[in-house]
Amino acid sequence: MLVLHGFTGNPQSVRPLADALVAQGFSVEMPLLSGHGTTVEDMMTTDWLDWSADAETALSRLAERTETQVVAGLSMGGSLTVWLATRHPEARRNHLHQPRHTGSGRGSGLHSGADRSRR
């Protein structure tokens, strides 16, 4: 299972999901995307080309040790998940999490794209 964090985030932001997957016996790859998790200056020198290359590399590492690859992403990691799906149909399942703002001042919550289709 490849788990991708969001813009300005780091793997710690998706660790609860990764830990739950490991507890269920899944092999998890959770990369730190270029420029993230350090300083603003580091992030300013990176862009989509770097982050998509990081996601490709992580998916390749996962494919070396697993028969089936599943990709999940939070926010920008979700965008990378969709991008990987277009390039790698062999990655059979993809799961997206996007922040949701209710507009009621109650903050945001996480929901999956699949959940939205049921509303």
PDB file of N, CA and C in Angstrom:
ATOM      1  N   MET A   1       0.850  -1.171   0.000  1.00  0.00           N
ATOM      2  CA  MET A   1       0.000   0.000   0.000  1.00  0.00           C
ATOM      3  C   MET A   1       0.891   1.228   0.000  1.00  0.00           C
ATOM      4  N   LEU A   2       0.705   2.083  -0.978  1.00  0.00           N
ATOM      5  CA  LEU A   2       1.425   3.347  -1.048  1.00  0.00           C
ATOM      6  C   LEU A   2       0.534   4.421  -0.438  1.00  0.00           C
ATOM      7  N   VAL A   3       1.049   5.133   0.555  1.00  0.00           N
ATOM      8  CA  VAL A   3       0.292   6.179   1.246  1.00  0.00           C
ATOM      9  C   VAL A   3       1.040   7.500   1.056  1.00  0.00           C
ATOM     10  N   LEU A   4       0.360   8.472   0.436  1.00  0.00           N
ATOM     11  CA  LEU A   4       0.989   9.748   0.084  1.00  0.00           C
ATOM     12  C   LEU A   4       0.394  10.900   0.895  1.00  0.00           C
ATOM     13  N   HIS A   5       1.265  11.698   1.482  1.00  0.00           N
ATOM     14  CA  HIS A   5       0.823  12.862   2.269  1.00  0.00           C
ATOM     15  C   HIS A   5       0.464  14.025   1.353  1.00  0.00           C
ATOM     16  N   GLY A   6      -0.074  15.068   1.944  1.00  0.00           N
ATOM     17  CA  GLY A   6      -0.518  16.235   1.193  1.00  0.00           C
ATOM     18  C   GLY A   6       0.520  17.338   1.097  1.00  0.00           C
ATOM     19  N   PHE A   7       0.138  18.404   0.405  1.00  0.00           N
ATOM     20  CA  PHE A   7       0.994  19.573   0.195  1.00  0.00           C
ATOM     21  C   PHE A   7       1.338  20.206   1.532  1.00  0.00           C
ATOM     22  N   THR A   8       2.588  20.488   1.731  1.00  0.00           N
ATOM     23  CA  THR A   8       3.212  21.034   2.945  1.00  0.00           C
ATOM     24  C   THR A   8       3.197  20.041   4.102  1.00  0.00           C
ATOM     25  N   GLY A   9       2.715  18.840   3.876  1.00  0.00           N
ATOM     26  CA  GLY A   9       2.673  17.838   4.929  1.00  0.00           C
ATOM     27  C   GLY A   9       3.921  16.974   4.952  1.00  0.00           C
ATOM     28  N   ASN A  10       3.803  15.876   5.647  1.00  0.00           N
ATOM     29  CA  ASN A  10       4.876  14.885   5.714  1.00  0.00           C
ATOM     30  C   ASN A  10       4.239  13.547   6.077  1.00  0.00           C
ATOM     31  N   PRO A  11       4.999  12.468   6.053  1.00  0.00           N
ATOM     32  CA  PRO A  11       4.401  11.167   6.332  1.00  0.00           C
ATOM     33  C   PRO A  11       3.686  11.068   7.682  1.00  0.00           C
ATOM     34  N   GLN A  12       4.074  11.870   8.635  1.00  0.00           N
ATOM     35  CA  GLN A  12       3.417  11.820   9.944  1.00  0.00           C
ATOM     36  C   GLN A  12       1.916  12.116   9.830  1.00  0.00           C
ATOM     37  N   SER A  13       1.542  12.935   8.853  1.00  0.00           N
ATOM     38  CA  SER A  13       0.128  13.298   8.702  1.00  0.00           C
ATOM     39  C   SER A  13      -0.736  12.130   8.234  1.00  0.00           C
ATOM     40  N   VAL A  14      -0.127  11.111   7.663  1.00  0.00           N
ATOM     41  CA  VAL A  14      -0.878   9.922   7.224  1.00  0.00           C
ATOM     42  C   VAL A  14      -0.462   8.667   7.990  1.00  0.00           C
ATOM     43  N   ARG A  15       0.338   8.857   9.029  1.00  0.00           N
ATOM     44  CA  ARG A  15       0.817   7.710   9.812  1.00  0.00           C
ATOM     45  C   ARG A  15      -0.310   6.886  10.432  1.00  0.00           C
ATOM     46  N   PRO A  16      -1.377   7.499  10.964  1.00  0.00           N
ATOM     47  CA  PRO A  16      -2.443   6.654  11.527  1.00  0.00           C
ATOM     48  C   PRO A  16      -3.003   5.654  10.505  1.00  0.00           C
ATOM     49  N   LEU A  17      -3.179   6.096   9.269  1.00  0.00           N
ATOM     50  CA  LEU A  17      -3.652   5.192   8.224  1.00  0.00           C
ATOM     51  C   LEU A  17      -2.611   4.109   7.962  1.00  0.00           C
ATOM     52  N   ALA A  18      -1.355   4.504   7.821  1.00  0.00           N
ATOM     53  CA  ALA A  18      -0.284   3.534   7.554  1.00  0.00           C
ATOM     54  C   ALA A  18      -0.164   2.524   8.690  1.00  0.00           C
ATOM     55  N   ASP A  19      -0.223   3.002   9.928  1.00  0.00           N
ATOM     56  CA  ASP A  19      -0.129   2.088  11.080  1.00  0.00           C
ATOM     57  C   ASP A  19      -1.280   1.084  11.089  1.00  0.00           C
ATOM     58  N   ALA A  20      -2.491   1.556  10.760  1.00  0.00           N
ATOM     59  CA  ALA A  20      -3.642   0.650  10.716  1.00  0.00           C
ATOM     60  C   ALA A  20      -3.467  -0.402   9.621  1.00  0.00           C
ATOM     61  N   LEU A  21      -2.918   0.001   8.496  1.00  0.00           N
ATOM     62  CA  LEU A  21      -2.688  -0.947   7.401  1.00  0.00           C
ATOM     63  C   LEU A  21      -1.630  -1.980   7.761  1.00  0.00           C
ATOM     64  N   VAL A  22      -0.553  -1.525   8.397  1.00  0.00           N
ATOM     65  CA  VAL A  22       0.499  -2.449   8.838  1.00  0.00           C
ATOM     66  C   VAL A  22      -0.074  -3.438   9.845  1.00  0.00           C
ATOM     67  N   ALA A  23      -0.905  -2.966  10.764  1.00  0.00           N
ATOM     68  CA  ALA A  23      -1.519  -3.840  11.774  1.00  0.00           C
ATOM     69  C   ALA A  23      -2.388  -4.915  11.133  1.00  0.00           C
ATOM     70  N   GLN A  24      -2.896  -4.629   9.934  1.00  0.00           N
ATOM     71  CA  GLN A  24      -3.714  -5.604   9.215  1.00  0.00           C
ATOM     72  C   GLN A  24      -2.879  -6.477   8.277  1.00  0.00           C
ATOM     73  N   GLY A  25      -1.559  -6.293   8.307  1.00  0.00           N
ATOM     74  CA  GLY A  25      -0.674  -7.145   7.528  1.00  0.00           C
ATOM     75  C   GLY A  25      -0.253  -6.614   6.173  1.00  0.00           C
ATOM     76  N   PHE A  26      -0.592  -5.369   5.864  1.00  0.00           N
ATOM     77  CA  PHE A  26      -0.196  -4.795   4.586  1.00  0.00           C
ATOM     78  C   PHE A  26       1.246  -4.296   4.634  1.00  0.00           C
ATOM     79  N   SER A  27       1.913  -4.384   3.515  1.00  0.00           N
ATOM     80  CA  SER A  27       3.223  -3.771   3.344  1.00  0.00           C
ATOM     81  C   SER A  27       2.966  -2.319   2.921  1.00  0.00           C
ATOM     82  N   VAL A  28       3.583  -1.371   3.608  1.00  0.00           N
ATOM     83  CA  VAL A  28       3.292   0.045   3.368  1.00  0.00           C
ATOM     84  C   VAL A  28       4.556   0.787   2.956  1.00  0.00           C
ATOM     85  N   GLU A  29       4.412   1.614   1.949  1.00  0.00           N
ATOM     86  CA  GLU A  29       5.446   2.547   1.494  1.00  0.00           C
ATOM     87  C   GLU A  29       4.885   3.934   1.746  1.00  0.00           C
ATOM     88  N   MET A  30       5.639   4.779   2.468  1.00  0.00           N
ATOM     89  CA  MET A  30       5.139   6.094   2.862  1.00  0.00           C
ATOM     90  C   MET A  30       6.261   7.116   2.679  1.00  0.00           C
ATOM     91  N   PRO A  31       6.456   7.604   1.450  1.00  0.00           N
ATOM     92  CA  PRO A  31       7.598   8.487   1.187  1.00  0.00           C
ATOM     93  C   PRO A  31       7.393   9.918   1.689  1.00  0.00           C
ATOM     94  N   LEU A  32       8.501  10.574   1.948  1.00  0.00           N
ATOM     95  CA  LEU A  32       8.506  12.017   2.181  1.00  0.00           C
ATOM     96  C   LEU A  32       8.713  12.664   0.819  1.00  0.00           C
ATOM     97  N   LEU A  33       7.742  13.423   0.348  1.00  0.00           N
ATOM     98  CA  LEU A  33       7.848  14.059  -0.960  1.00  0.00           C
ATOM     99  C   LEU A  33       8.884  15.186  -0.914  1.00  0.00           C
ATOM    100  N   SER A  34       9.603  15.347  -1.999  1.00  0.00           N
ATOM    101  CA  SER A  34      10.679  16.349  -2.088  1.00  0.00           C
ATOM    102  C   SER A  34      10.217  17.721  -1.617  1.00  0.00           C
ATOM    103  N   GLY A  35      11.069  18.362  -0.816  1.00  0.00           N
ATOM    104  CA  GLY A  35      10.805  19.707  -0.337  1.00  0.00           C
ATOM    105  C   GLY A  35       9.868  19.801   0.851  1.00  0.00           C
ATOM    106  N   HIS A  36       9.270  18.702   1.233  1.00  0.00           N
ATOM    107  CA  HIS A  36       8.311  18.694   2.336  1.00  0.00           C
ATOM    108  C   HIS A  36       8.997  18.290   3.639  1.00  0.00           C
ATOM    109  N   GLY A  37       8.396  18.701   4.739  1.00  0.00           N
ATOM    110  CA  GLY A  37       8.868  18.258   6.046  1.00  0.00           C
ATOM    111  C   GLY A  37      10.133  18.926   6.541  1.00  0.00           C
ATOM    112  N   THR A  38      10.589  19.961   5.856  1.00  0.00           N
ATOM    113  CA  THR A  38      11.812  20.650   6.307  1.00  0.00           C
ATOM    114  C   THR A  38      11.530  22.147   6.426  1.00  0.00           C
ATOM    115  N   THR A  39      11.926  22.908   5.414  1.00  0.00           N
ATOM    116  CA  THR A  39      11.751  24.362   5.471  1.00  0.00           C
ATOM    117  C   THR A  39      11.001  24.860   4.239  1.00  0.00           C
ATOM    118  N   VAL A  40      10.461  26.060   4.335  1.00  0.00           N
ATOM    119  CA  VAL A  40       9.791  26.686   3.196  1.00  0.00           C
ATOM    120  C   VAL A  40      10.774  26.835   2.040  1.00  0.00           C
ATOM    121  N   GLU A  41      12.008  27.175   2.365  1.00  0.00           N
ATOM    122  CA  GLU A  41      13.020  27.342   1.319  1.00  0.00           C
ATOM    123  C   GLU A  41      13.225  26.047   0.535  1.00  0.00           C
ATOM    124  N   ASP A  42      13.216  24.912   1.231  1.00  0.00           N
ATOM    125  CA  ASP A  42      13.345  23.624   0.537  1.00  0.00           C
ATOM    126  C   ASP A  42      12.155  23.384  -0.390  1.00  0.00           C
ATOM    127  N   MET A  43      10.966  23.731   0.076  1.00  0.00           N
ATOM    128  CA  MET A  43       9.781  23.508  -0.741  1.00  0.00           C
ATOM    129  C   MET A  43       9.780  24.394  -1.982  1.00  0.00           C
ATOM    130  N   MET A  44      10.298  25.587  -1.867  1.00  0.00           N
ATOM    131  CA  MET A  44      10.289  26.539  -2.985  1.00  0.00           C
ATOM    132  C   MET A  44      11.126  26.059  -4.170  1.00  0.00           C
ATOM    133  N   THR A  45      11.993  25.095  -3.942  1.00  0.00           N
ATOM    134  CA  THR A  45      12.842  24.596  -5.036  1.00  0.00           C
ATOM    135  C   THR A  45      12.271  23.336  -5.680  1.00  0.00           C
ATOM    136  N   THR A  46      11.061  22.929  -5.286  1.00  0.00           N
ATOM    137  CA  THR A  46      10.461  21.716  -5.829  1.00  0.00           C
ATOM    138  C   THR A  46       9.103  22.019  -6.443  1.00  0.00           C
ATOM    139  N   ASP A  47       8.615  21.078  -7.249  1.00  0.00           N
ATOM    140  CA  ASP A  47       7.298  21.244  -7.868  1.00  0.00           C
ATOM    141  C   ASP A  47       6.710  19.883  -8.219  1.00  0.00           C
ATOM    142  N   TRP A  48       5.613  19.912  -8.982  1.00  0.00           N
ATOM    143  CA  TRP A  48       4.889  18.696  -9.340  1.00  0.00           C
ATOM    144  C   TRP A  48       5.803  17.640  -9.959  1.00  0.00           C
ATOM    145  N   LEU A  49       6.749  18.052 -10.785  1.00  0.00           N
ATOM    146  CA  LEU A  49       7.646  17.073 -11.418  1.00  0.00           C
ATOM    147  C   LEU A  49       8.429  16.287 -10.366  1.00  0.00           C
ATOM    148  N   ASP A  50       8.882  16.952  -9.333  1.00  0.00           N
ATOM    149  CA  ASP A  50       9.608  16.278  -8.247  1.00  0.00           C
ATOM    150  C   ASP A  50       8.684  15.344  -7.472  1.00  0.00           C
ATOM    151  N   TRP A  51       7.495  15.850  -7.125  1.00  0.00           N
ATOM    152  CA  TRP A  51       6.574  15.064  -6.290  1.00  0.00           C
ATOM    153  C   TRP A  51       6.035  13.857  -7.043  1.00  0.00           C
ATOM    154  N   SER A  52       5.746  14.040  -8.335  1.00  0.00           N
ATOM    155  CA  SER A  52       5.257  12.902  -9.118  1.00  0.00           C
ATOM    156  C   SER A  52       6.369  11.872  -9.313  1.00  0.00           C
ATOM    157  N   ALA A  53       7.608  12.324  -9.466  1.00  0.00           N
ATOM    158  CA  ALA A  53       8.739  11.386  -9.562  1.00  0.00           C
ATOM    159  C   ALA A  53       8.915  10.630  -8.250  1.00  0.00           C
ATOM    160  N   ASP A  54       8.746  11.310  -7.122  1.00  0.00           N
ATOM    161  CA  ASP A  54       8.821  10.638  -5.815  1.00  0.00           C
ATOM    162  C   ASP A  54       7.743   9.562  -5.699  1.00  0.00           C
ATOM    163  N   ALA A  55       6.534   9.880  -6.150  1.00  0.00           N
ATOM    164  CA  ALA A  55       5.432   8.915  -6.085  1.00  0.00           C
ATOM    165  C   ALA A  55       5.712   7.720  -6.990  1.00  0.00           C
ATOM    166  N   GLU A  56       6.225   7.969  -8.180  1.00  0.00           N
ATOM    167  CA  GLU A  56       6.592   6.882  -9.106  1.00  0.00           C
ATOM    168  C   GLU A  56       7.651   5.973  -8.485  1.00  0.00           C
ATOM    169  N   THR A  57       8.665   6.573  -7.899  1.00  0.00           N
ATOM    170  CA  THR A  57       9.742   5.797  -7.273  1.00  0.00           C
ATOM    171  C   THR A  57       9.207   4.944  -6.132  1.00  0.00           C
ATOM    172  N   ALA A  58       8.358   5.528  -5.311  1.00  0.00           N
ATOM    173  CA  ALA A  58       7.793   4.787  -4.185  1.00  0.00           C
ATOM    174  C   ALA A  58       6.906   3.639  -4.673  1.00  0.00           C
ATOM    175  N   LEU A  59       6.117   3.870  -5.720  1.00  0.00           N
ATOM    176  CA  LEU A  59       5.282   2.810  -6.275  1.00  0.00           C
ATOM    177  C   LEU A  59       6.156   1.681  -6.830  1.00  0.00           C
ATOM    178  N   SER A  60       7.252   2.031  -7.464  1.00  0.00           N
ATOM    179  CA  SER A  60       8.184   1.018  -7.981  1.00  0.00           C
ATOM    180  C   SER A  60       8.786   0.195  -6.844  1.00  0.00           C
ATOM    181  N   ARG A  61       9.166   0.860  -5.761  1.00  0.00           N
ATOM    182  CA  ARG A  61       9.708   0.129  -4.599  1.00  0.00           C
ATOM    183  C   ARG A  61       8.669  -0.835  -4.037  1.00  0.00           C
ATOM    184  N   LEU A  62       7.429  -0.368  -3.961  1.00  0.00           N
ATOM    185  CA  LEU A  62       6.349  -1.211  -3.458  1.00  0.00           C
ATOM    186  C   LEU A  62       6.120  -2.398  -4.388  1.00  0.00           C
ATOM    187  N   ALA A  63       6.146  -2.172  -5.684  1.00  0.00           N
ATOM    188  CA  ALA A  63       5.913  -3.239  -6.664  1.00  0.00           C
ATOM    189  C   ALA A  63       6.997  -4.318  -6.609  1.00  0.00           C
ATOM    190  N   GLU A  64       8.197  -3.949  -6.165  1.00  0.00           N
ATOM    191  CA  GLU A  64       9.278  -4.929  -6.042  1.00  0.00           C
ATOM    192  C   GLU A  64       9.001  -5.957  -4.951  1.00  0.00           C
ATOM    193  N   ARG A  65       8.156  -5.616  -3.989  1.00  0.00           N
ATOM    194  CA  ARG A  65       7.932  -6.531  -2.866  1.00  0.00           C
ATOM    195  C   ARG A  65       6.483  -6.968  -2.671  1.00  0.00           C
ATOM    196  N   THR A  66       5.578  -6.489  -3.535  1.00  0.00           N
ATOM    197  CA  THR A  66       4.181  -6.887  -3.410  1.00  0.00           C
ATOM    198  C   THR A  66       3.621  -7.294  -4.775  1.00  0.00           C
ATOM    199  N   GLU A  67       2.639  -8.163  -4.739  1.00  0.00           N
ATOM    200  CA  GLU A  67       2.000  -8.609  -5.976  1.00  0.00           C
ATOM    201  C   GLU A  67       0.981  -7.595  -6.478  1.00  0.00           C
ATOM    202  N   THR A  68       0.259  -6.967  -5.553  1.00  0.00           N
ATOM    203  CA  THR A  68      -0.780  -5.993  -5.887  1.00  0.00           C
ATOM    204  C   THR A  68      -0.453  -4.684  -5.191  1.00  0.00           C
ATOM    205  N   GLN A  69      -0.584  -3.593  -5.926  1.00  0.00           N
ATOM    206  CA  GLN A  69      -0.325  -2.285  -5.347  1.00  0.00           C
ATOM    207  C   GLN A  69      -1.636  -1.518  -5.201  1.00  0.00           C
ATOM    208  N   VAL A  70      -1.784  -0.898  -4.051  1.00  0.00           N
ATOM    209  CA  VAL A  70      -2.927  -0.043  -3.740  1.00  0.00           C
ATOM    210  C   VAL A  70      -2.347   1.303  -3.337  1.00  0.00           C
ATOM    211  N   VAL A  71      -2.970   2.385  -3.795  1.00  0.00           N
ATOM    212  CA  VAL A  71      -2.459   3.728  -3.522  1.00  0.00           C
ATOM    213  C   VAL A  71      -3.524   4.544  -2.805  1.00  0.00           C
ATOM    214  N   ALA A  72      -3.123   5.243  -1.754  1.00  0.00           N
ATOM    215  CA  ALA A  72      -4.011   6.149  -1.026  1.00  0.00           C
ATOM    216  C   ALA A  72      -3.296   7.472  -0.846  1.00  0.00           C
ATOM    217  N   GLY A  73      -4.036   8.559  -0.889  1.00  0.00           N
ATOM    218  CA  GLY A  73      -3.415   9.857  -0.721  1.00  0.00           C
ATOM    219  C   GLY A  73      -4.319  10.845  -0.038  1.00  0.00           C
ATOM    220  N   LEU A  74      -3.711  11.753   0.694  1.00  0.00           N
ATOM    221  CA  LEU A  74      -4.401  12.825   1.396  1.00  0.00           C
ATOM    222  C   LEU A  74      -4.178  14.128   0.636  1.00  0.00           C
ATOM    223  N   SER A  75      -5.236  14.790   0.247  1.00  0.00           N
ATOM    224  CA  SER A  75      -5.167  16.095  -0.394  1.00  0.00           C
ATOM    225  C   SER A  75      -4.297  16.034  -1.658  1.00  0.00           C
ATOM    226  N   MET A  76      -3.158  16.724  -1.714  1.00  0.00           N
ATOM    227  CA  MET A  76      -2.314  16.648  -2.894  1.00  0.00           C
ATOM    228  C   MET A  76      -1.856  15.213  -3.146  1.00  0.00           C
ATOM    229  N   GLY A  77      -1.677  14.442  -2.085  1.00  0.00           N
ATOM    230  CA  GLY A  77      -1.364  13.022  -2.246  1.00  0.00           C
ATOM    231  C   GLY A  77      -2.480  12.299  -2.982  1.00  0.00           C
ATOM    232  N   GLY A  78      -3.727  12.761  -2.800  1.00  0.00           N
ATOM    233  CA  GLY A  78      -4.861  12.226  -3.551  1.00  0.00           C
ATOM    234  C   GLY A  78      -4.755  12.564  -5.029  1.00  0.00           C
ATOM    235  N   SER A  79      -4.289  13.762  -5.331  1.00  0.00           N
ATOM    236  CA  SER A  79      -4.069  14.134  -6.730  1.00  0.00           C
ATOM    237  C   SER A  79      -2.985  13.264  -7.350  1.00  0.00           C
ATOM    238  N   LEU A  80      -1.938  13.012  -6.600  1.00  0.00           N
ATOM    239  CA  LEU A  80      -0.885  12.108  -7.075  1.00  0.00           C
ATOM    240  C   LEU A  80      -1.430  10.696  -7.270  1.00  0.00           C
ATOM    241  N   THR A  81      -2.358  10.292  -6.403  1.00  0.00           N
ATOM    242  CA  THR A  81      -2.980   8.974  -6.515  1.00  0.00           C
ATOM    243  C   THR A  81      -3.719   8.840  -7.844  1.00  0.00           C
ATOM    244  N   VAL A  82      -4.495   9.857  -8.201  1.00  0.00           N
ATOM    245  CA  VAL A  82      -5.223   9.837  -9.474  1.00  0.00           C
ATOM    246  C   VAL A  82      -4.231   9.831 -10.631  1.00  0.00           C
ATOM    247  N   TRP A  83      -3.203  10.649 -10.550  1.00  0.00           N
ATOM    248  CA  TRP A  83      -2.186  10.709 -11.602  1.00  0.00           C
ATOM    249  C   TRP A  83      -1.515   9.346 -11.779  1.00  0.00           C
ATOM    250  N   LEU A  84      -1.152   8.694 -10.659  1.00  0.00           N
ATOM    251  CA  LEU A  84      -0.549   7.355 -10.759  1.00  0.00           C
ATOM    252  C   LEU A  84      -1.513   6.356 -11.389  1.00  0.00           C
ATOM    253  N   ALA A  85      -2.791   6.473 -11.074  1.00  0.00           N
ATOM    254  CA  ALA A  85      -3.788   5.550 -11.627  1.00  0.00           C
ATOM    255  C   ALA A  85      -3.857   5.665 -13.148  1.00  0.00           C
ATOM    256  N   THR A  86      -3.671   6.862 -13.672  1.00  0.00           N
ATOM    257  CA  THR A  86      -3.713   7.027 -15.127  1.00  0.00           C
ATOM    258  C   THR A  86      -2.484   6.428 -15.790  1.00  0.00           C
ATOM    259  N   ARG A  87      -1.404   6.344 -15.065  1.00  0.00           N
ATOM    260  CA  ARG A  87      -0.147   5.818 -15.612  1.00  0.00           C
ATOM    261  C   ARG A  87       0.078   4.349 -15.290  1.00  0.00           C
ATOM    262  N   HIS A  88      -0.588   3.858 -14.256  1.00  0.00           N
ATOM    263  CA  HIS A  88      -0.362   2.491 -13.785  1.00  0.00           C
ATOM    264  C   HIS A  88      -1.682   1.773 -13.538  1.00  0.00           C
ATOM    265  N   PRO A  89      -2.320   1.300 -14.588  1.00  0.00           N
ATOM    266  CA  PRO A  89      -3.589   0.589 -14.377  1.00  0.00           C
ATOM    267  C   PRO A  89      -3.420  -0.678 -13.548  1.00  0.00           C
ATOM    268  N   GLU A  90      -2.188  -1.167 -13.435  1.00  0.00           N
ATOM    269  CA  GLU A  90      -1.952  -2.359 -12.615  1.00  0.00           C
ATOM    270  C   GLU A  90      -2.093  -2.066 -11.123  1.00  0.00           C
ATOM    271  N   ALA A  91      -2.013  -0.802 -10.738  1.00  0.00           N
ATOM    272  CA  ALA A  91      -2.290  -0.423  -9.347  1.00  0.00           C
ATOM    273  C   ALA A  91      -3.810  -0.415  -9.222  1.00  0.00           C
ATOM    274  N   ARG A  92      -4.363  -1.510  -8.781  1.00  0.00           N
ATOM    275  CA  ARG A  92      -5.771  -1.826  -8.949  1.00  0.00           C
ATOM    276  C   ARG A  92      -6.731  -0.956  -8.171  1.00  0.00           C
ATOM    277  N   ARG A  93      -6.329  -0.476  -7.043  1.00  0.00           N
ATOM    278  CA  ARG A  93      -7.260   0.312  -6.227  1.00  0.00           C
ATOM    279  C   ARG A  93      -6.596   1.630  -5.848  1.00  0.00           C
ATOM    280  N   ASN A  94      -7.401   2.642  -5.786  1.00  0.00           N
ATOM    281  CA  ASN A  94      -6.926   3.956  -5.371  1.00  0.00           C
ATOM    282  C   ASN A  94      -7.943   4.533  -4.406  1.00  0.00           C
ATOM    283  N   HIS A  95      -7.452   5.204  -3.392  1.00  0.00           N
ATOM    284  CA  HIS A  95      -8.340   5.782  -2.382  1.00  0.00           C
ATOM    285  C   HIS A  95      -7.887   7.215  -2.119  1.00  0.00           C
ATOM    286  N   LEU A  96      -8.807   8.134  -2.185  1.00  0.00           N
ATOM    287  CA  LEU A  96      -8.484   9.549  -2.027  1.00  0.00           C
ATOM    288  C   LEU A  96      -9.102  10.104  -0.758  1.00  0.00           C
ATOM    289  N   HIS A  97      -8.380  10.971  -0.125  1.00  0.00           N
ATOM    290  CA  HIS A  97      -8.932  11.734   1.001  1.00  0.00           C
ATOM    291  C   HIS A  97      -8.661  13.196   0.716  1.00  0.00           C
ATOM    292  N   GLN A  98      -9.714  13.994   0.749  1.00  0.00           N
ATOM    293  CA  GLN A  98      -9.595  15.422   0.529  1.00  0.00           C
ATOM    294  C   GLN A  98     -10.187  16.142   1.732  1.00  0.00           C
ATOM    295  N   PRO A  99      -9.552  17.220   2.175  1.00  0.00           N
ATOM    296  CA  PRO A  99     -10.167  18.000   3.250  1.00  0.00           C
ATOM    297  C   PRO A  99     -11.518  18.530   2.782  1.00  0.00           C
ATOM    298  N   ARG A 100     -12.462  18.558   3.674  1.00  0.00           N
ATOM    299  CA  ARG A 100     -13.803  19.039   3.335  1.00  0.00           C
ATOM    300  C   ARG A 100     -14.125  20.205   4.257  1.00  0.00           C
ATOM    301  N   HIS A 101     -14.536  21.301   3.672  1.00  0.00           N
ATOM    302  CA  HIS A 101     -14.952  22.466   4.451  1.00  0.00           C
ATOM    303  C   HIS A 101     -16.466  22.564   4.366  1.00  0.00           C
ATOM    304  N   THR A 102     -17.111  22.610   5.512  1.00  0.00           N
ATOM    305  CA  THR A 102     -18.569  22.614   5.539  1.00  0.00           C
ATOM    306  C   THR A 102     -19.155  23.994   5.321  1.00  0.00           C
ATOM    307  N   GLY A 103     -18.327  25.022   5.499  1.00  0.00           N
ATOM    308  CA  GLY A 103     -18.846  26.363   5.371  1.00  0.00           C
ATOM    309  C   GLY A 103     -19.593  26.833   6.608  1.00  0.00           C
ATOM    310  N   SER A 104     -19.714  25.948   7.595  1.00  0.00           N
ATOM    311  CA  SER A 104     -20.460  26.303   8.801  1.00  0.00           C
ATOM    312  C   SER A 104     -19.530  26.734   9.925  1.00  0.00           C
ATOM    313  N   GLY A 105     -18.234  26.838   9.631  1.00  0.00           N
ATOM    314  CA  GLY A 105     -17.294  27.227  10.661  1.00  0.00           C
ATOM    315  C   GLY A 105     -16.888  26.076  11.560  1.00  0.00           C
ATOM    316  N   ARG A 106     -17.366  24.893  11.254  1.00  0.00           N
ATOM    317  CA  ARG A 106     -17.049  23.746  12.091  1.00  0.00           C
ATOM    318  C   ARG A 106     -15.736  23.092  11.681  1.00  0.00           C
ATOM    319  N   GLY A 107     -15.001  23.688  10.761  1.00  0.00           N
ATOM    320  CA  GLY A 107     -13.732  23.101  10.350  1.00  0.00           C
ATOM    321  C   GLY A 107     -13.913  22.137   9.211  1.00  0.00           C
ATOM    322  N   SER A 108     -12.969  21.237   9.105  1.00  0.00           N
ATOM    323  CA  SER A 108     -13.025  20.289   8.006  1.00  0.00           C
ATOM    324  C   SER A 108     -12.901  18.888   8.550  1.00  0.00           C
ATOM    325  N   GLY A 109     -13.339  17.970   7.746  1.00  0.00           N
ATOM    326  CA  GLY A 109     -13.207  16.566   8.083  1.00  0.00           C
ATOM    327  C   GLY A 109     -12.673  15.829   6.892  1.00  0.00           C
ATOM    328  N   LEU A 110     -12.385  14.556   7.053  1.00  0.00           N
ATOM    329  CA  LEU A 110     -11.915  13.762   5.946  1.00  0.00           C
ATOM    330  C   LEU A 110     -13.057  12.925   5.414  1.00  0.00           C
ATOM    331  N   HIS A 111     -13.101  12.820   4.120  1.00  0.00           N
ATOM    332  CA  HIS A 111     -14.058  11.922   3.499  1.00  0.00           C
ATOM    333  C   HIS A 111     -13.418  11.360   2.244  1.00  0.00           C
ATOM    334  N   SER A 112     -13.889  10.247   1.806  1.00  0.00           N
ATOM    335  CA  SER A 112     -13.338   9.671   0.585  1.00  0.00           C
ATOM    336  C   SER A 112     -14.169  10.132  -0.590  1.00  0.00           C
ATOM    337  N   GLY A 113     -13.556  10.125  -1.774  1.00  0.00           N
ATOM    338  CA  GLY A 113     -14.270  10.466  -2.982  1.00  0.00           C
ATOM    339  C   GLY A 113     -15.465   9.546  -3.177  1.00  0.00           C
ATOM    340  N   ALA A 114     -15.327   8.298  -2.771  1.00  0.00           N
ATOM    341  CA  ALA A 114     -16.429   7.347  -2.896  1.00  0.00           C
ATOM    342  C   ALA A 114     -17.599   7.780  -2.021  1.00  0.00           C
ATOM    343  N   ASP A 115     -17.305   8.315  -0.833  1.00  0.00           N
ATOM    344  CA  ASP A 115     -18.370   8.778   0.046  1.00  0.00           C
ATOM    345  C   ASP A 115     -19.172   9.893  -0.605  1.00  0.00           C
ATOM    346  N   ARG A 116     -18.498  10.789  -1.305  1.00  0.00           N
ATOM    347  CA  ARG A 116     -19.161  11.927  -1.931  1.00  0.00           C
ATOM    348  C   ARG A 116     -20.173  11.447  -2.964  1.00  0.00           C
ATOM    349  N   SER A 117     -19.885  10.365  -3.667  1.00  0.00           N
ATOM    350  CA  SER A 117     -20.788   9.884  -4.700  1.00  0.00           C
ATOM    351  C   SER A 117     -22.090   9.351  -4.117  1.00  0.00           C
ATOM    352  N   ARG A 118     -22.118   9.068  -2.826  1.00  0.00           N
ATOM    353  CA  ARG A 118     -23.325   8.542  -2.181  1.00  0.00           C
ATOM    354  C   ARG A 118     -24.214   9.647  -1.644  1.00  0.00           C
ATOM    355  N   ARG A 119     -23.750  10.882  -1.670  1.00  0.00           N
ATOM    356  CA  ARG A 119     -24.540  11.983  -1.100  1.00  0.00           C
ATOM    357  C   ARG A 119     -25.516  12.533  -2.081  1.00  0.00           C
TER     358      ARG A 119
END
